Amino acid sequence: MRKRSPQMAGKPRRPARKPQAADLKDEARPVSSPSDAVSEAPAPSTAVVPVTALQQYLAEVRRYPFLSKEEELRLFHEYQTQGSREAAVKLILSNLRVSVAIASEYLHAGFDQMDLIQEGNVGLLQAIKKFDPSKNVRFYAYAAWWARAYILRYLLNNFRLVKVGTTQDQRKLFYNLRKEKAKLERQGYVPDAKLLADRLNVRERDVIEMDQRLGSWELSLDQPLSQDTEGTLLDVLPTRETPADEQLANQELRTLFRRKLAEFATTLNERDEDILRNRILSETPLTLDDLGAKHGITKERTRQLEARIIRRLRDFIKEEVKDFDHLRS
């Protein structure tokens, strides 16, 4: 048994320091508390003050304590009955940890953590407008859903330059496709498109399209094809526009037909010209009954006149326009 040194023998042993409330404040919170992400965030080891924007923000968030349930209800009463701006600010500041906690779950997506946190804070602003204190639910539990929704929307809108979640089924696949694939592989199944479509209740075609989108990246059309050439990918892609020579030919052909139609109309009598303009060439043609009543003839006679005018027009264009049959094909 070791002997106490002479210096220590004459001194009474100092009692252990009693833990203070500040020491227990973080330990008393459950793991699911929104403050976990703040306490687990990287802290400077030797620096006296925070050195990054994220560390400064987290240090600022720690300044605002959690509210008790009674104080939370009192502030919501002031906000909803009196429109108190100060009450709303206190509610938001005391729950900033919620956005930090939710944002920390999506760091693997590769986005800046501060951007995710700020999107979550926008969700908090929406949550405070929709919250109903009479439901006997704490505000931070309700606000977590809004913060997560806004963070997921941000991830969806910025995951690719070309948006991938434009429909409800595509959003479902964006959030669950990889997760469902991993689940099926753990169960020993081959996650083909048909099985995934059945499990997620979407179309097989949507599964294939989303899998291709998530598995590839965008290419810039202005990117050089190689280091030795100045050409870009845009230069070798086929255009969907009609070539300039075809556009010019079509314009000249339309002008020619208009001129020939005007010449053909001069060869008709007044009744046939009326049928041509108001029945054959009109975008809102008159009915055979209306034309027959207008000219005092039967519906069948009007139909016969219309067919005769069309035959005469075809023969006239064949004579006046060279290669008419070739142009029709």
C-alpha atoms as a PDB file:
ATOM      1  CA  MET A   1       0.000   0.000   0.000  1.00  0.00           C
ATOM      2  CA  ARG A   2       1.453   3.359  -1.087  1.00  0.00           C
ATOM      3  CA  LYS A   3       2.150   5.959   1.580  1.00  0.00           C
ATOM      4  CA  ARG A   4       1.011   9.498   1.228  1.00  0.00           C
ATOM      5  CA  SER A   5       3.722  12.066   0.746  1.00  0.00           C
ATOM      6  CA  PRO A   6       4.479  14.402   3.672  1.00  0.00           C
ATOM      7  CA  GLN A   7       3.134  17.317   1.682  1.00  0.00           C
ATOM      8  CA  MET A   8      -0.200  15.588   1.109  1.00  0.00           C
ATOM      9  CA  ALA A   9      -0.477  14.064   4.572  1.00  0.00           C
ATOM     10  CA  GLY A  10      -1.182  17.329   6.305  1.00  0.00           C
ATOM     11  CA  LYS A  11      -3.722  18.581   3.787  1.00  0.00           C
ATOM     12  CA  PRO A  12      -7.360  17.493   3.803  1.00  0.00           C
ATOM     13  CA  ARG A  13      -8.593  16.005   0.507  1.00  0.00           C
ATOM     14  CA  ARG A  14     -10.619  18.475  -1.573  1.00  0.00           C
ATOM     15  CA  PRO A  15     -14.176  17.253  -2.195  1.00  0.00           C
ATOM     16  CA  ALA A  16     -15.204  16.621  -5.804  1.00  0.00           C
ATOM     17  CA  ARG A  17     -16.816  19.616  -7.546  1.00  0.00           C
ATOM     18  CA  LYS A  18     -20.574  19.383  -7.754  1.00  0.00           C
ATOM     19  CA  PRO A  19     -21.797  19.331 -11.372  1.00  0.00           C
ATOM     20  CA  GLN A  20     -23.380  22.597 -12.422  1.00  0.00           C
ATOM     21  CA  ALA A  21     -26.497  23.067 -14.507  1.00  0.00           C
ATOM     22  CA  ALA A  22     -24.409  24.310 -17.418  1.00  0.00           C
ATOM     23  CA  ASP A  23     -22.414  21.083 -17.352  1.00  0.00           C
ATOM     24  CA  LEU A  24     -25.519  18.929 -17.508  1.00  0.00           C
ATOM     25  CA  LYS A  25     -27.456  20.996 -19.996  1.00  0.00           C
ATOM     26  CA  ASP A  26     -26.220  19.098 -23.069  1.00  0.00           C
ATOM     27  CA  GLU A  27     -26.062  15.681 -21.370  1.00  0.00           C
ATOM     28  CA  ALA A  28     -29.671  15.811 -20.209  1.00  0.00           C
ATOM     29  CA  ARG A  29     -31.043  16.128 -23.695  1.00  0.00           C
ATOM     30  CA  PRO A  30     -32.107  12.972 -25.520  1.00  0.00           C
ATOM     31  CA  VAL A  31     -30.295  11.873 -28.665  1.00  0.00           C
ATOM     32  CA  SER A  32     -33.275  12.809 -30.821  1.00  0.00           C
ATOM     33  CA  SER A  33     -33.154  16.420 -29.664  1.00  0.00           C
ATOM     34  CA  PRO A  34     -32.450  19.002 -32.388  1.00  0.00           C
ATOM     35  CA  SER A  35     -29.421  20.182 -30.402  1.00  0.00           C
ATOM     36  CA  ASP A  36     -27.519  16.987 -31.178  1.00  0.00           C
ATOM     37  CA  ALA A  37     -26.401  18.279 -34.554  1.00  0.00           C
ATOM     38  CA  VAL A  38     -25.182  21.509 -32.964  1.00  0.00           C
ATOM     39  CA  SER A  39     -23.189  19.701 -30.273  1.00  0.00           C
ATOM     40  CA  GLU A  40     -21.793  17.199 -32.775  1.00  0.00           C
ATOM     41  CA  ALA A  41     -20.745  19.868 -35.251  1.00  0.00           C
ATOM     42  CA  PRO A  42     -16.976  20.282 -35.704  1.00  0.00           C
ATOM     43  CA  ALA A  43     -15.611  22.701 -33.126  1.00  0.00           C
ATOM     44  CA  PRO A  44     -12.203  24.404 -33.240  1.00  0.00           C
ATOM     45  CA  SER A  45      -9.603  22.621 -31.156  1.00  0.00           C
ATOM     46  CA  THR A  46      -7.200  25.478 -30.403  1.00  0.00           C
ATOM     47  CA  ALA A  47      -8.837  28.608 -31.833  1.00  0.00           C
ATOM     48  CA  VAL A  48     -10.237  31.132 -29.393  1.00  0.00           C
ATOM     49  CA  VAL A  49     -13.134  32.117 -31.662  1.00  0.00           C
ATOM     50  CA  PRO A  50     -14.907  30.284 -34.487  1.00  0.00           C
ATOM     51  CA  VAL A  51     -13.035  30.555 -37.771  1.00  0.00           C
ATOM     52  CA  THR A  52     -15.625  29.492 -40.356  1.00  0.00           C
ATOM     53  CA  ALA A  53     -19.076  30.794 -41.206  1.00  0.00           C
ATOM     54  CA  LEU A  54     -20.631  27.477 -40.128  1.00  0.00           C
ATOM     55  CA  GLN A  55     -18.858  27.503 -36.774  1.00  0.00           C
ATOM     56  CA  GLN A  56     -19.862  31.114 -36.195  1.00  0.00           C
ATOM     57  CA  TYR A  57     -23.453  30.264 -37.008  1.00  0.00           C
ATOM     58  CA  LEU A  58     -23.500  27.244 -34.679  1.00  0.00           C
ATOM     59  CA  ALA A  59     -21.972  29.328 -31.899  1.00  0.00           C
ATOM     60  CA  GLU A  60     -24.701  31.917 -32.421  1.00  0.00           C
ATOM     61  CA  VAL A  61     -27.419  29.231 -32.363  1.00  0.00           C
ATOM     62  CA  ARG A  62     -26.195  27.976 -28.967  1.00  0.00           C
ATOM     63  CA  ARG A  63     -26.939  31.383 -27.464  1.00  0.00           C
ATOM     64  CA  TYR A  64     -30.695  30.844 -27.717  1.00  0.00           C
ATOM     65  CA  PRO A  65     -32.027  28.391 -25.115  1.00  0.00           C
ATOM     66  CA  PHE A  66     -34.901  25.990 -25.572  1.00  0.00           C
ATOM     67  CA  LEU A  67     -38.326  27.200 -24.514  1.00  0.00           C
ATOM     68  CA  SER A  68     -40.449  25.433 -21.972  1.00  0.00           C
ATOM     69  CA  LYS A  69     -43.845  24.218 -23.099  1.00  0.00           C
ATOM     70  CA  GLU A  70     -45.607  26.926 -21.091  1.00  0.00           C
ATOM     71  CA  GLU A  71     -43.445  29.703 -22.521  1.00  0.00           C
ATOM     72  CA  GLU A  72     -43.908  28.309 -26.040  1.00  0.00           C
ATOM     73  CA  LEU A  73     -47.698  28.348 -25.658  1.00  0.00           C
ATOM     74  CA  ARG A  74     -47.593  31.894 -24.297  1.00  0.00           C
ATOM     75  CA  LEU A  75     -45.534  33.134 -27.257  1.00  0.00           C
ATOM     76  CA  PHE A  76     -47.807  31.438 -29.772  1.00  0.00           C
ATOM     77  CA  HIS A  77     -50.807  33.009 -28.092  1.00  0.00           C
ATOM     78  CA  GLU A  78     -49.206  36.448 -28.466  1.00  0.00           C
ATOM     79  CA  TYR A  79     -48.255  35.771 -32.079  1.00  0.00           C
ATOM     80  CA  GLN A  80     -51.621  34.418 -33.198  1.00  0.00           C
ATOM     81  CA  THR A  81     -53.858  36.840 -31.284  1.00  0.00           C
ATOM     82  CA  GLN A  82     -51.800  40.034 -31.332  1.00  0.00           C
ATOM     83  CA  GLY A  83     -49.521  39.428 -34.313  1.00  0.00           C
ATOM     84  CA  SER A  84     -46.491  39.968 -32.096  1.00  0.00           C
ATOM     85  CA  ARG A  85     -43.329  40.031 -34.196  1.00  0.00           C
ATOM     86  CA  GLU A  86     -41.128  39.685 -31.113  1.00  0.00           C
ATOM     87  CA  ALA A  87     -42.903  36.481 -30.096  1.00  0.00           C
ATOM     88  CA  ALA A  88     -42.397  35.006 -33.567  1.00  0.00           C
ATOM     89  CA  VAL A  89     -38.698  35.910 -33.533  1.00  0.00           C
ATOM     90  CA  LYS A  90     -38.209  34.212 -30.158  1.00  0.00           C
ATOM     91  CA  LEU A  91     -39.954  31.078 -31.382  1.00  0.00           C
ATOM     92  CA  ILE A  92     -37.805  30.914 -34.496  1.00  0.00           C
ATOM     93  CA  LEU A  93     -34.502  31.623 -32.745  1.00  0.00           C
ATOM     94  CA  SER A  94     -35.106  29.026 -30.065  1.00  0.00           C
ATOM     95  CA  ASN A  95     -35.742  26.367 -32.721  1.00  0.00           C
ATOM     96  CA  LEU A  96     -32.889  27.064 -35.119  1.00  0.00           C
ATOM     97  CA  ARG A  97     -31.347  23.804 -33.901  1.00  0.00           C
ATOM     98  CA  VAL A  98     -34.095  21.971 -35.781  1.00  0.00           C
ATOM     99  CA  SER A  99     -32.737  23.088 -39.167  1.00  0.00           C
ATOM    100  CA  VAL A 100     -29.191  22.197 -38.131  1.00  0.00           C
ATOM    101  CA  ALA A 101     -30.263  18.708 -37.054  1.00  0.00           C
ATOM    102  CA  ILE A 102     -32.221  17.982 -40.243  1.00  0.00           C
ATOM    103  CA  ALA A 103     -29.530  19.444 -42.527  1.00  0.00           C
ATOM    104  CA  SER A 104     -26.864  17.224 -40.954  1.00  0.00           C
ATOM    105  CA  GLU A 105     -28.743  14.161 -42.227  1.00  0.00           C
ATOM    106  CA  TYR A 106     -28.164  15.194 -45.872  1.00  0.00           C
ATOM    107  CA  LEU A 107     -24.487  16.104 -45.845  1.00  0.00           C
ATOM    108  CA  HIS A 108     -23.764  13.019 -47.974  1.00  0.00           C
ATOM    109  CA  ALA A 109     -25.583  14.711 -50.875  1.00  0.00           C
ATOM    110  CA  GLY A 110     -22.593  16.988 -51.409  1.00  0.00           C
ATOM    111  CA  PHE A 111     -24.303  20.325 -50.849  1.00  0.00           C
ATOM    112  CA  ASP A 112     -23.041  23.119 -48.641  1.00  0.00           C
ATOM    113  CA  GLN A 113     -24.290  22.644 -45.081  1.00  0.00           C
ATOM    114  CA  MET A 114     -25.099  26.319 -44.637  1.00  0.00           C
ATOM    115  CA  ASP A 115     -27.323  26.242 -47.728  1.00  0.00           C
ATOM    116  CA  LEU A 116     -29.208  23.259 -46.340  1.00  0.00           C
ATOM    117  CA  ILE A 117     -29.594  24.961 -42.959  1.00  0.00           C
ATOM    118  CA  GLN A 118     -30.970  28.130 -44.513  1.00  0.00           C
ATOM    119  CA  GLU A 119     -33.506  26.134 -46.520  1.00  0.00           C
ATOM    120  CA  GLY A 120     -34.566  24.490 -43.284  1.00  0.00           C
ATOM    121  CA  ASN A 121     -34.951  27.918 -41.703  1.00  0.00           C
ATOM    122  CA  VAL A 122     -37.348  28.880 -44.500  1.00  0.00           C
ATOM    123  CA  GLY A 123     -39.331  25.814 -43.508  1.00  0.00           C
ATOM    124  CA  LEU A 124     -39.422  27.096 -39.925  1.00  0.00           C
ATOM    125  CA  LEU A 125     -40.950  30.340 -41.132  1.00  0.00           C
ATOM    126  CA  GLN A 126     -43.695  28.390 -42.851  1.00  0.00           C
ATOM    127  CA  ALA A 127     -44.203  26.104 -39.855  1.00  0.00           C
ATOM    128  CA  ILE A 128     -44.841  28.993 -37.489  1.00  0.00           C
ATOM    129  CA  LYS A 129     -47.702  30.149 -39.752  1.00  0.00           C
ATOM    130  CA  LYS A 130     -49.331  26.711 -39.822  1.00  0.00           C
ATOM    131  CA  PHE A 131     -48.762  25.504 -36.253  1.00  0.00           C
ATOM    132  CA  ASP A 132     -51.792  24.792 -34.064  1.00  0.00           C
ATOM    133  CA  PRO A 133     -50.898  24.863 -30.327  1.00  0.00           C
ATOM    134  CA  SER A 134     -54.190  23.147 -29.421  1.00  0.00           C
ATOM    135  CA  LYS A 135     -52.908  19.846 -30.913  1.00  0.00           C
ATOM    136  CA  ASN A 136     -50.731  19.277 -27.826  1.00  0.00           C
ATOM    137  CA  VAL A 137     -47.571  18.870 -29.928  1.00  0.00           C
ATOM    138  CA  ARG A 138     -44.296  20.690 -29.328  1.00  0.00           C
ATOM    139  CA  PHE A 139     -43.394  23.172 -32.010  1.00  0.00           C
ATOM    140  CA  TYR A 140     -39.945  21.704 -32.755  1.00  0.00           C
ATOM    141  CA  ALA A 141     -41.518  18.318 -33.565  1.00  0.00           C
ATOM    142  CA  TYR A 142     -43.943  19.954 -35.992  1.00  0.00           C
ATOM    143  CA  ALA A 143     -41.355  22.300 -37.504  1.00  0.00           C
ATOM    144  CA  ALA A 144     -39.022  19.393 -38.275  1.00  0.00           C
ATOM    145  CA  TRP A 145     -41.407  18.220 -40.998  1.00  0.00           C
ATOM    146  CA  TRP A 146     -41.449  21.633 -42.657  1.00  0.00           C
ATOM    147  CA  ALA A 147     -37.673  22.010 -42.419  1.00  0.00           C
ATOM    148  CA  ARG A 148     -37.182  18.565 -43.976  1.00  0.00           C
ATOM    149  CA  ALA A 149     -39.664  19.327 -46.766  1.00  0.00           C
ATOM    150  CA  TYR A 150     -37.853  22.527 -47.763  1.00  0.00           C
ATOM    151  CA  ILE A 151     -34.437  20.853 -47.609  1.00  0.00           C
ATOM    152  CA  LEU A 152     -35.660  17.985 -49.806  1.00  0.00           C
ATOM    153  CA  ARG A 153     -37.147  20.448 -52.263  1.00  0.00           C
ATOM    154  CA  TYR A 154     -33.807  22.268 -52.421  1.00  0.00           C
ATOM    155  CA  LEU A 155     -31.964  18.990 -53.063  1.00  0.00           C
ATOM    156  CA  LEU A 156     -34.417  18.036 -55.779  1.00  0.00           C
ATOM    157  CA  ASN A 157     -34.215  21.391 -57.562  1.00  0.00           C
ATOM    158  CA  ASN A 158     -30.416  21.563 -57.453  1.00  0.00           C
ATOM    159  CA  PHE A 159     -29.453  17.920 -57.905  1.00  0.00           C
ATOM    160  CA  ARG A 160     -29.006  18.437 -61.643  1.00  0.00           C
ATOM    161  CA  LEU A 161     -28.908  21.409 -63.985  1.00  0.00           C
ATOM    162  CA  VAL A 162     -31.822  19.739 -65.748  1.00  0.00           C
ATOM    163  CA  LYS A 163     -34.595  19.146 -63.205  1.00  0.00           C
ATOM    164  CA  VAL A 164     -35.348  15.508 -62.485  1.00  0.00           C
ATOM    165  CA  GLY A 165     -38.468  15.711 -60.332  1.00  0.00           C
ATOM    166  CA  THR A 166     -41.144  17.396 -62.389  1.00  0.00           C
ATOM    167  CA  THR A 167     -43.999  14.982 -61.559  1.00  0.00           C
ATOM    168  CA  GLN A 168     -45.221  13.275 -58.400  1.00  0.00           C
ATOM    169  CA  ASP A 169     -43.970   9.856 -59.570  1.00  0.00           C
ATOM    170  CA  GLN A 170     -40.544  11.278 -60.416  1.00  0.00           C
ATOM    171  CA  ARG A 171     -40.243  12.880 -56.984  1.00  0.00           C
ATOM    172  CA  LYS A 172     -41.163   9.570 -55.365  1.00  0.00           C
ATOM    173  CA  LEU A 173     -38.479   7.807 -57.403  1.00  0.00           C
ATOM    174  CA  PHE A 174     -35.877  10.489 -56.667  1.00  0.00           C
ATOM    175  CA  TYR A 175     -36.283  10.019 -52.927  1.00  0.00           C
ATOM    176  CA  ASN A 176     -36.802   6.240 -52.801  1.00  0.00           C
ATOM    177  CA  LEU A 177     -35.245   4.532 -55.841  1.00  0.00           C
ATOM    178  CA  ARG A 178     -31.746   3.957 -54.468  1.00  0.00           C
ATOM    179  CA  LYS A 179     -33.099   3.118 -51.039  1.00  0.00           C
ATOM    180  CA  GLU A 180     -35.455   0.500 -52.477  1.00  0.00           C
ATOM    181  CA  LYS A 181     -32.648  -0.934 -54.621  1.00  0.00           C
ATOM    182  CA  ALA A 182     -30.439  -1.431 -51.586  1.00  0.00           C
ATOM    183  CA  LYS A 183     -33.321  -2.989 -49.649  1.00  0.00           C
ATOM    184  CA  LEU A 184     -34.029  -5.535 -52.398  1.00  0.00           C
ATOM    185  CA  GLU A 185     -30.341  -6.424 -52.695  1.00  0.00           C
ATOM    186  CA  ARG A 186     -30.161  -7.090 -48.940  1.00  0.00           C
ATOM    187  CA  GLN A 187     -33.159  -9.406 -49.304  1.00  0.00           C
ATOM    188  CA  GLY A 188     -31.409 -11.336 -52.092  1.00  0.00           C
ATOM    189  CA  TYR A 189     -33.445 -10.005 -55.043  1.00  0.00           C
ATOM    190  CA  VAL A 190     -32.174  -8.568 -58.305  1.00  0.00           C
ATOM    191  CA  PRO A 191     -33.589  -4.995 -58.411  1.00  0.00           C
ATOM    192  CA  ASP A 192     -34.766  -4.876 -62.016  1.00  0.00           C
ATOM    193  CA  ALA A 193     -37.043  -2.163 -63.363  1.00  0.00           C
ATOM    194  CA  LYS A 194     -40.248  -4.231 -63.217  1.00  0.00           C
ATOM    195  CA  LEU A 195     -39.763  -5.241 -59.577  1.00  0.00           C
ATOM    196  CA  LEU A 196     -38.912  -1.676 -58.545  1.00  0.00           C
ATOM    197  CA  ALA A 197     -41.960  -0.331 -60.381  1.00  0.00           C
ATOM    198  CA  ASP A 198     -44.215  -2.804 -58.538  1.00  0.00           C
ATOM    199  CA  ARG A 199     -42.698  -1.987 -55.155  1.00  0.00           C
ATOM    200  CA  LEU A 200     -42.910   1.785 -55.650  1.00  0.00           C
ATOM    201  CA  ASN A 201     -46.253   1.738 -57.489  1.00  0.00           C
ATOM    202  CA  VAL A 202     -44.998   3.648 -60.530  1.00  0.00           C
ATOM    203  CA  ARG A 203     -44.586   2.925 -64.222  1.00  0.00           C
ATOM    204  CA  GLU A 204     -41.652   0.789 -65.354  1.00  0.00           C
ATOM    205  CA  ARG A 205     -40.707   3.439 -67.912  1.00  0.00           C
ATOM    206  CA  ASP A 206     -40.385   6.048 -65.127  1.00  0.00           C
ATOM    207  CA  VAL A 207     -38.053   3.754 -63.176  1.00  0.00           C
ATOM    208  CA  ILE A 208     -35.778   3.320 -66.204  1.00  0.00           C
ATOM    209  CA  GLU A 209     -35.699   7.060 -66.943  1.00  0.00           C
ATOM    210  CA  MET A 210     -34.961   8.049 -63.352  1.00  0.00           C
ATOM    211  CA  ASP A 211     -32.244   5.384 -63.046  1.00  0.00           C
ATOM    212  CA  GLN A 212     -30.568   6.793 -66.146  1.00  0.00           C
ATOM    213  CA  ARG A 213     -30.797  10.349 -64.821  1.00  0.00           C
ATOM    214  CA  LEU A 214     -29.392   9.507 -61.415  1.00  0.00           C
ATOM    215  CA  GLY A 215     -26.597   7.440 -62.921  1.00  0.00           C
ATOM    216  CA  SER A 216     -25.262  10.074 -65.315  1.00  0.00           C
ATOM    217  CA  TRP A 217     -24.174  13.692 -65.312  1.00  0.00           C
ATOM    218  CA  GLU A 218     -24.806  16.625 -67.598  1.00  0.00           C
ATOM    219  CA  LEU A 219     -22.455  17.604 -70.387  1.00  0.00           C
ATOM    220  CA  SER A 220     -21.917  21.194 -71.388  1.00  0.00           C
ATOM    221  CA  LEU A 221     -22.705  21.866 -75.045  1.00  0.00           C
ATOM    222  CA  ASP A 222     -19.973  24.514 -75.034  1.00  0.00           C
ATOM    223  CA  GLN A 223     -17.319  22.065 -73.836  1.00  0.00           C
ATOM    224  CA  PRO A 224     -14.477  21.611 -76.398  1.00  0.00           C
ATOM    225  CA  LEU A 225     -14.419  18.227 -78.099  1.00  0.00           C
ATOM    226  CA  SER A 226     -10.676  17.933 -77.495  1.00  0.00           C
ATOM    227  CA  GLN A 227      -7.685  20.019 -76.559  1.00  0.00           C
ATOM    228  CA  ASP A 228      -6.515  20.222 -80.156  1.00  0.00           C
ATOM    229  CA  THR A 229      -9.755  21.525 -81.679  1.00  0.00           C
ATOM    230  CA  GLU A 230     -11.901  24.590 -81.115  1.00  0.00           C
ATOM    231  CA  GLY A 231     -15.145  22.816 -81.978  1.00  0.00           C
ATOM    232  CA  THR A 232     -17.754  22.110 -79.313  1.00  0.00           C
ATOM    233  CA  LEU A 233     -20.389  19.454 -78.838  1.00  0.00           C
ATOM    234  CA  LEU A 234     -22.997  21.938 -80.024  1.00  0.00           C
ATOM    235  CA  ASP A 235     -21.296  22.081 -83.429  1.00  0.00           C
ATOM    236  CA  VAL A 236     -21.798  18.353 -84.116  1.00  0.00           C
ATOM    237  CA  LEU A 237     -25.335  17.955 -82.802  1.00  0.00           C
ATOM    238  CA  PRO A 238     -28.031  17.862 -85.475  1.00  0.00           C
ATOM    239  CA  THR A 239     -30.409  20.800 -85.402  1.00  0.00           C
ATOM    240  CA  ARG A 240     -34.155  20.364 -85.274  1.00  0.00           C
ATOM    241  CA  GLU A 241     -34.749  23.520 -87.262  1.00  0.00           C
ATOM    242  CA  THR A 242     -35.561  23.415 -90.968  1.00  0.00           C
ATOM    243  CA  PRO A 243     -32.503  24.268 -93.083  1.00  0.00           C
ATOM    244  CA  ALA A 244     -32.406  27.781 -94.478  1.00  0.00           C
ATOM    245  CA  ASP A 245     -32.670  26.625 -98.106  1.00  0.00           C
ATOM    246  CA  GLU A 246     -35.803  24.608 -97.329  1.00  0.00           C
ATOM    247  CA  GLN A 247     -37.349  27.541 -95.473  1.00  0.00           C
ATOM    248  CA  LEU A 248     -36.696  29.787 -98.486  1.00  0.00           C
ATOM    249  CA  ALA A 249     -38.132  27.201-100.893  1.00  0.00           C
ATOM    250  CA  ASN A 250     -41.273  26.767 -98.783  1.00  0.00           C
ATOM    251  CA  GLN A 251     -41.780  30.508 -98.590  1.00  0.00           C
ATOM    252  CA  GLU A 252     -41.457  30.881-102.374  1.00  0.00           C
ATOM    253  CA  LEU A 253     -43.855  27.954-102.903  1.00  0.00           C
ATOM    254  CA  ARG A 254     -46.488  29.519-100.630  1.00  0.00           C
ATOM    255  CA  THR A 255     -46.178  32.823-102.485  1.00  0.00           C
ATOM    256  CA  LEU A 256     -46.591  31.029-105.795  1.00  0.00           C
ATOM    257  CA  PHE A 257     -49.728  29.191-104.676  1.00  0.00           C
ATOM    258  CA  ARG A 258     -51.327  32.386-103.374  1.00  0.00           C
ATOM    259  CA  ARG A 259     -50.756  34.066-106.722  1.00  0.00           C
ATOM    260  CA  LYS A 260     -52.147  31.117-108.669  1.00  0.00           C
ATOM    261  CA  LEU A 261     -55.186  30.889-106.392  1.00  0.00           C
ATOM    262  CA  ALA A 262     -55.936  34.542-107.061  1.00  0.00           C
ATOM    263  CA  GLU A 263     -55.671  33.881-110.791  1.00  0.00           C
ATOM    264  CA  PHE A 264     -57.938  30.831-110.539  1.00  0.00           C
ATOM    265  CA  ALA A 265     -60.592  32.796-108.618  1.00  0.00           C
ATOM    266  CA  THR A 266     -60.917  35.199-111.563  1.00  0.00           C
ATOM    267  CA  THR A 267     -62.047  32.298-113.787  1.00  0.00           C
ATOM    268  CA  LEU A 268     -65.047  31.473-111.548  1.00  0.00           C
ATOM    269  CA  ASN A 269     -68.495  32.998-111.460  1.00  0.00           C
ATOM    270  CA  GLU A 270     -69.768  34.768-108.371  1.00  0.00           C
ATOM    271  CA  ARG A 271     -71.410  31.681-106.818  1.00  0.00           C
ATOM    272  CA  ASP A 272     -68.430  29.358-107.345  1.00  0.00           C
ATOM    273  CA  GLU A 273     -66.012  32.007-106.043  1.00  0.00           C
ATOM    274  CA  ASP A 274     -68.124  32.321-102.893  1.00  0.00           C
ATOM    275  CA  ILE A 275     -68.001  28.559-102.374  1.00  0.00           C
ATOM    276  CA  LEU A 276     -64.230  28.591-102.939  1.00  0.00           C
ATOM    277  CA  ARG A 277     -63.540  31.337-100.396  1.00  0.00           C
ATOM    278  CA  ASN A 278     -66.125  30.525 -97.722  1.00  0.00           C
ATOM    279  CA  ARG A 279     -66.123  26.726 -97.961  1.00  0.00           C
ATOM    280  CA  ILE A 280     -62.912  25.330 -99.474  1.00  0.00           C
ATOM    281  CA  LEU A 281     -60.261  27.875 -98.380  1.00  0.00           C
ATOM    282  CA  SER A 282     -61.845  29.219 -95.185  1.00  0.00           C
ATOM    283  CA  GLU A 283     -60.511  28.250 -91.739  1.00  0.00           C
ATOM    284  CA  THR A 284     -64.121  28.364 -90.495  1.00  0.00           C
ATOM    285  CA  PRO A 285     -66.022  27.009 -93.506  1.00  0.00           C
ATOM    286  CA  LEU A 286     -69.753  27.479 -93.920  1.00  0.00           C
ATOM    287  CA  THR A 287     -71.935  24.384 -93.976  1.00  0.00           C
ATOM    288  CA  LEU A 288     -73.477  23.017 -97.154  1.00  0.00           C
ATOM    289  CA  ASP A 289     -76.897  23.964 -95.800  1.00  0.00           C
ATOM    290  CA  ASP A 290     -75.883  27.580 -95.242  1.00  0.00           C
ATOM    291  CA  LEU A 291     -74.355  27.913 -98.705  1.00  0.00           C
ATOM    292  CA  GLY A 292     -77.373  26.216-100.313  1.00  0.00           C
ATOM    293  CA  ALA A 293     -79.774  28.576 -98.548  1.00  0.00           C
ATOM    294  CA  LYS A 294     -77.635  31.562 -99.522  1.00  0.00           C
ATOM    295  CA  HIS A 295     -77.680  30.719-103.247  1.00  0.00           C
ATOM    296  CA  GLY A 296     -81.109  29.051-103.401  1.00  0.00           C
ATOM    297  CA  ILE A 297     -79.881  25.541-104.180  1.00  0.00           C
ATOM    298  CA  THR A 298     -80.061  22.207-102.393  1.00  0.00           C
ATOM    299  CA  LYS A 299     -77.406  20.776-100.099  1.00  0.00           C
ATOM    300  CA  GLU A 300     -76.563  18.047-102.613  1.00  0.00           C
ATOM    301  CA  ARG A 301     -76.137  20.581-105.415  1.00  0.00           C
ATOM    302  CA  THR A 302     -73.792  22.595-103.227  1.00  0.00           C
ATOM    303  CA  ARG A 303     -71.700  19.460-102.580  1.00  0.00           C
ATOM    304  CA  GLN A 304     -71.502  18.781-106.324  1.00  0.00           C
ATOM    305  CA  LEU A 305     -70.359  22.347-107.017  1.00  0.00           C
ATOM    306  CA  GLU A 306     -67.695  22.076-104.309  1.00  0.00           C
ATOM    307  CA  ALA A 307     -66.317  18.845-105.819  1.00  0.00           C
ATOM    308  CA  ARG A 308     -66.265  20.382-109.310  1.00  0.00           C
ATOM    309  CA  ILE A 309     -64.381  23.492-108.101  1.00  0.00           C
ATOM    310  CA  ILE A 310     -61.759  21.312-106.394  1.00  0.00           C
ATOM    311  CA  ARG A 311     -61.202  19.314-109.608  1.00  0.00           C
ATOM    312  CA  ARG A 312     -60.906  22.507-111.655  1.00  0.00           C
ATOM    313  CA  LEU A 313     -58.438  23.959-109.129  1.00  0.00           C
ATOM    314  CA  ARG A 314     -56.275  20.821-109.263  1.00  0.00           C
ATOM    315  CA  ASP A 315     -56.179  20.863-113.056  1.00  0.00           C
ATOM    316  CA  PHE A 316     -55.403  24.600-113.098  1.00  0.00           C
ATOM    317  CA  ILE A 317     -52.443  24.217-110.685  1.00  0.00           C
ATOM    318  CA  LYS A 318     -51.067  21.278-112.702  1.00  0.00           C
ATOM    319  CA  GLU A 319     -51.002  23.412-115.808  1.00  0.00           C
ATOM    320  CA  GLU A 320     -49.580  26.531-114.150  1.00  0.00           C
ATOM    321  CA  VAL A 321     -47.045  25.023-111.709  1.00  0.00           C
ATOM    322  CA  LYS A 322     -44.277  22.831-113.040  1.00  0.00           C
ATOM    323  CA  ASP A 323     -43.568  19.549-111.197  1.00  0.00           C
ATOM    324  CA  PHE A 324     -46.813  19.871-109.246  1.00  0.00           C
ATOM    325  CA  ASP A 325     -47.061  16.107-108.650  1.00  0.00           C
ATOM    326  CA  HIS A 326     -43.460  16.059-107.365  1.00  0.00           C
ATOM    327  CA  LEU A 327     -44.182  18.910-104.952  1.00  0.00           C
ATOM    328  CA  ARG A 328     -47.242  17.076-103.582  1.00  0.00           C
ATOM    329  CA  SER A 329     -45.134  14.027-102.709  1.00  0.00           C
END
